[in-house]
């Protein structure tokens, strides 16, 4: 597979994936001076976003969750579990309402059948919104990946029920031909 400039830069800097530059750009756009203390990474594998957070924000309490394995990262509490079972993870549940940032780069395995893929993406996004609503502090922020499709307007409207600010964003590190797009919401 061809490595683009973002992937090469990530590797040189010791990051696991090019996705770190997407998160970095989004967080700078939201509030470059914000200091996150409690962060939850949903769908964290391979760990690029978690890795970026612990390097950027010292003394952060970082929890990562995925059904896939993730190589350990110093400073990251990894939980191999489905997001649907988040309430069963005691370490995370005791921080309910304390997280000031929830990040999600989660995506389902794609089938190639757009109606099925869109429905699966939408459901994962809805779960992410529910978790963010339940686990974020009163001034918390959620950043999540989604895709440009027929469900995007509906997803934004659902987010607007719980967040005072909702924005759509396409970072420079996101491939132009990719349908991925990011939504962020601030409580």
Protein backbone atom coordinates (compact mmCIF):
# COMPACT_ATOMS: atom_id res chain seq x y z
CA UNK A 1 0.00 0.00 0.00
CA UNK A 2 1.29 3.45 -0.89
CA UNK A 3 2.31 5.55 2.12
CA UNK A 4 1.31 9.18 1.71
CA UNK A 5 3.09 12.19 3.22
CA UNK A 6 0.89 12.10 6.35
CA UNK A 7 1.67 8.41 6.96
CA UNK A 8 5.40 9.00 6.44
CA UNK A 9 5.32 11.99 8.81
CA UNK A 10 3.44 9.93 11.44
CA UNK A 11 5.99 7.12 11.22
CA UNK A 12 8.92 9.55 11.53
CA UNK A 13 7.33 11.09 14.62
CA UNK A 14 6.73 7.66 16.18
CA UNK A 15 2.94 7.68 15.86
CA UNK A 16 0.97 4.55 15.02
CA UNK A 17 -1.19 6.13 12.34
CA UNK A 18 -1.73 9.20 10.19
CA UNK A 19 -5.01 9.76 12.03
CA UNK A 20 -3.16 11.70 14.76
CA UNK A 21 -2.95 14.69 12.43
CA UNK A 22 -6.72 14.65 11.92
CA UNK A 23 -7.32 14.75 15.67
CA UNK A 24 -4.62 17.37 16.21
CA UNK A 25 -6.19 19.70 13.62
CA UNK A 26 -9.71 19.24 14.99
CA UNK A 27 -8.65 19.89 18.60
CA UNK A 28 -6.78 23.04 17.52
CA UNK A 29 -9.92 24.24 15.74
CA UNK A 30 -12.14 23.61 18.78
CA UNK A 31 -9.88 25.25 21.38
CA UNK A 32 -6.08 25.21 21.04
CA UNK A 33 -5.60 26.23 24.69
CA UNK A 34 -7.82 23.54 26.21
CA UNK A 35 -6.13 21.17 28.66
CA UNK A 36 -7.88 17.81 28.73
CA UNK A 37 -7.58 15.82 31.96
CA UNK A 38 -9.94 12.86 31.48
CA UNK A 39 -10.19 11.43 27.97
CA UNK A 40 -12.11 8.45 26.59
CA UNK A 41 -11.08 6.97 23.22
CA UNK A 42 -13.81 4.76 21.69
CA UNK A 43 -12.72 2.38 18.94
CA UNK A 44 -9.12 3.12 19.81
CA UNK A 45 -7.14 0.47 17.92
CA UNK A 46 -4.40 0.80 16.66
CA UNK A 47 -4.01 3.58 19.24
CA UNK A 48 -2.86 6.63 17.30
CA UNK A 49 -5.37 8.99 18.91
CA UNK A 50 -4.65 7.72 22.43
CA UNK A 51 -0.94 7.98 21.74
CA UNK A 52 -1.33 11.59 20.59
CA UNK A 53 -3.40 12.56 23.66
CA UNK A 54 -0.89 11.19 26.21
CA UNK A 55 2.00 12.88 24.39
CA UNK A 56 0.18 16.22 24.08
CA UNK A 57 -1.51 16.47 27.49
CA UNK A 58 0.69 15.57 30.45
CA UNK A 59 -0.93 13.85 33.44
CA UNK A 60 -4.03 13.01 31.42
CA UNK A 61 -6.23 10.17 32.66
CA UNK A 62 -6.61 8.29 29.35
CA UNK A 63 -8.97 5.36 28.82
CA UNK A 64 -9.22 3.53 25.50
CA UNK A 65 -11.80 0.98 24.43
CA UNK A 66 -11.97 -1.36 21.44
CA UNK A 67 -13.03 -4.89 20.51
CA UNK A 68 -9.72 -5.21 18.64
CA UNK A 69 -6.38 -5.71 20.33
CA UNK A 70 -4.21 -2.67 20.87
CA UNK A 71 -0.51 -2.71 21.68
CA UNK A 72 0.10 -1.10 25.09
CA UNK A 73 0.80 2.63 25.32
CA UNK A 74 2.35 4.13 28.45
CA UNK A 75 -0.28 6.18 30.24
CA UNK A 76 -3.27 4.58 28.50
CA UNK A 77 -5.71 2.28 30.30
CA UNK A 78 -6.87 -0.05 27.52
CA UNK A 79 -10.08 -2.08 27.82
CA UNK A 80 -10.76 -4.78 25.24
CA UNK A 81 -14.53 -4.53 25.17
CA UNK A 82 -17.41 -3.51 22.92
CA UNK A 83 -18.68 0.04 23.34
CA UNK A 84 -22.11 -1.46 23.96
CA UNK A 85 -20.73 -2.85 27.26
CA UNK A 86 -19.06 0.35 28.48
CA UNK A 87 -21.21 0.48 31.63
CA UNK A 88 -19.70 -2.88 32.67
CA UNK A 89 -16.17 -1.43 32.88
CA UNK A 90 -15.82 -0.24 36.47
CA UNK A 91 -12.77 1.99 35.88
CA UNK A 92 -14.66 3.92 33.19
CA UNK A 93 -18.09 3.89 34.83
CA UNK A 94 -16.75 5.53 37.99
CA UNK A 95 -15.68 8.49 35.78
CA UNK A 96 -19.16 8.98 34.33
CA UNK A 97 -19.76 12.71 33.99
CA UNK A 98 -16.06 13.49 34.51
CA UNK A 99 -14.56 13.00 31.03
CA UNK A 100 -13.94 16.33 29.34
CA UNK A 101 -13.14 14.75 25.96
CA UNK A 102 -14.58 11.71 24.19
CA UNK A 103 -12.94 10.81 20.88
CA UNK A 104 -14.10 8.18 18.41
CA UNK A 105 -12.41 7.10 15.19
CA UNK A 106 -14.55 3.96 15.15
CA UNK A 107 -15.87 2.44 11.94
CA UNK A 108 -17.59 -0.87 11.22
CA UNK A 109 -16.26 -3.47 8.84
CA UNK A 110 -17.68 -2.41 5.49
CA UNK A 111 -19.72 -4.86 3.46
CA UNK A 112 -19.77 -2.89 0.21
CA UNK A 113 -23.57 -2.71 0.37
CA UNK A 114 -24.18 0.99 0.98
CA UNK A 115 -27.54 0.64 2.77
CA UNK A 116 -26.07 -1.82 5.28
CA UNK A 117 -22.84 0.12 5.71
CA UNK A 118 -24.68 3.41 6.26
CA UNK A 119 -26.96 1.81 8.87
CA UNK A 120 -23.99 0.25 10.71
CA UNK A 121 -22.06 3.53 10.70
CA UNK A 122 -25.14 5.40 11.93
CA UNK A 123 -25.65 2.95 14.81
CA UNK A 124 -22.00 3.23 15.93
CA UNK A 125 -22.29 7.02 15.75
CA UNK A 126 -25.51 6.96 17.79
CA UNK A 127 -23.79 4.81 20.43
CA UNK A 128 -20.91 7.30 20.49
CA UNK A 129 -23.33 10.20 21.01
CA UNK A 130 -25.07 8.32 23.84
CA UNK A 131 -21.76 7.55 25.54
CA UNK A 132 -20.62 11.16 25.14
CA UNK A 133 -23.92 12.44 26.53
CA UNK A 134 -23.64 10.12 29.56
CA UNK A 135 -19.89 10.26 30.23
CA UNK A 136 -18.88 13.84 29.40
CA UNK A 137 -18.66 16.61 31.98
CA UNK A 138 -21.01 19.60 31.62
CA UNK A 139 -18.52 21.43 29.39
CA UNK A 140 -17.14 18.35 27.63
CA UNK A 141 -16.39 17.82 23.96
CA UNK A 142 -16.92 14.86 21.63
CA UNK A 143 -15.05 14.29 18.35
CA UNK A 144 -16.18 11.44 16.13
CA UNK A 145 -15.65 10.10 12.67
CA UNK A 146 -18.59 9.51 10.40
CA UNK A 147 -19.10 9.41 6.66
CA UNK A 148 -20.83 11.65 4.14
CA UNK A 149 -24.00 9.72 3.38
CA UNK A 150 -27.79 9.94 3.55
CA UNK A 151 -27.75 9.68 7.37
CA UNK A 152 -25.44 12.64 8.06
CA UNK A 153 -28.23 15.26 8.49
CA UNK A 154 -30.15 12.97 10.82
CA UNK A 155 -26.99 12.33 12.84
CA UNK A 156 -26.26 16.06 13.18
CA UNK A 157 -29.83 16.71 14.33
CA UNK A 158 -29.47 14.00 16.96
CA UNK A 159 -26.22 15.56 18.19
CA UNK A 160 -27.85 18.99 18.34
CA UNK A 161 -30.28 17.65 20.96
CA UNK A 162 -27.42 17.20 23.44
CA UNK A 163 -24.68 19.64 22.42
CA UNK A 164 -24.86 23.44 22.24
CA UNK A 165 -22.33 23.55 19.38
CA UNK A 166 -22.12 20.94 16.61
CA UNK A 167 -19.71 21.31 13.68
CA UNK A 168 -18.77 19.20 10.67
CA UNK A 169 -15.10 19.19 9.70
CA UNK A 170 -12.84 17.59 7.08
CA UNK A 171 -9.19 17.75 8.24
CA UNK A 172 -6.35 18.20 5.75
CA UNK A 173 -4.94 14.76 6.66
CA UNK A 174 -8.18 13.10 5.56
CA UNK A 175 -7.83 11.75 2.04
CA UNK A 176 -9.76 13.89 -0.44
CA UNK A 177 -11.41 10.87 -2.08
CA UNK A 178 -12.50 9.48 1.29
CA UNK A 179 -16.10 9.98 2.39
CA UNK A 180 -14.97 10.27 6.01
CA UNK A 181 -15.85 13.43 7.83
CA UNK A 182 -15.69 14.42 11.48
CA UNK A 183 -18.33 15.85 13.74
CA UNK A 184 -17.58 17.54 17.00
CA UNK A 185 -19.93 18.68 19.68
CA UNK A 186 -19.42 20.84 22.76
CA UNK A 187 -21.85 20.52 25.69
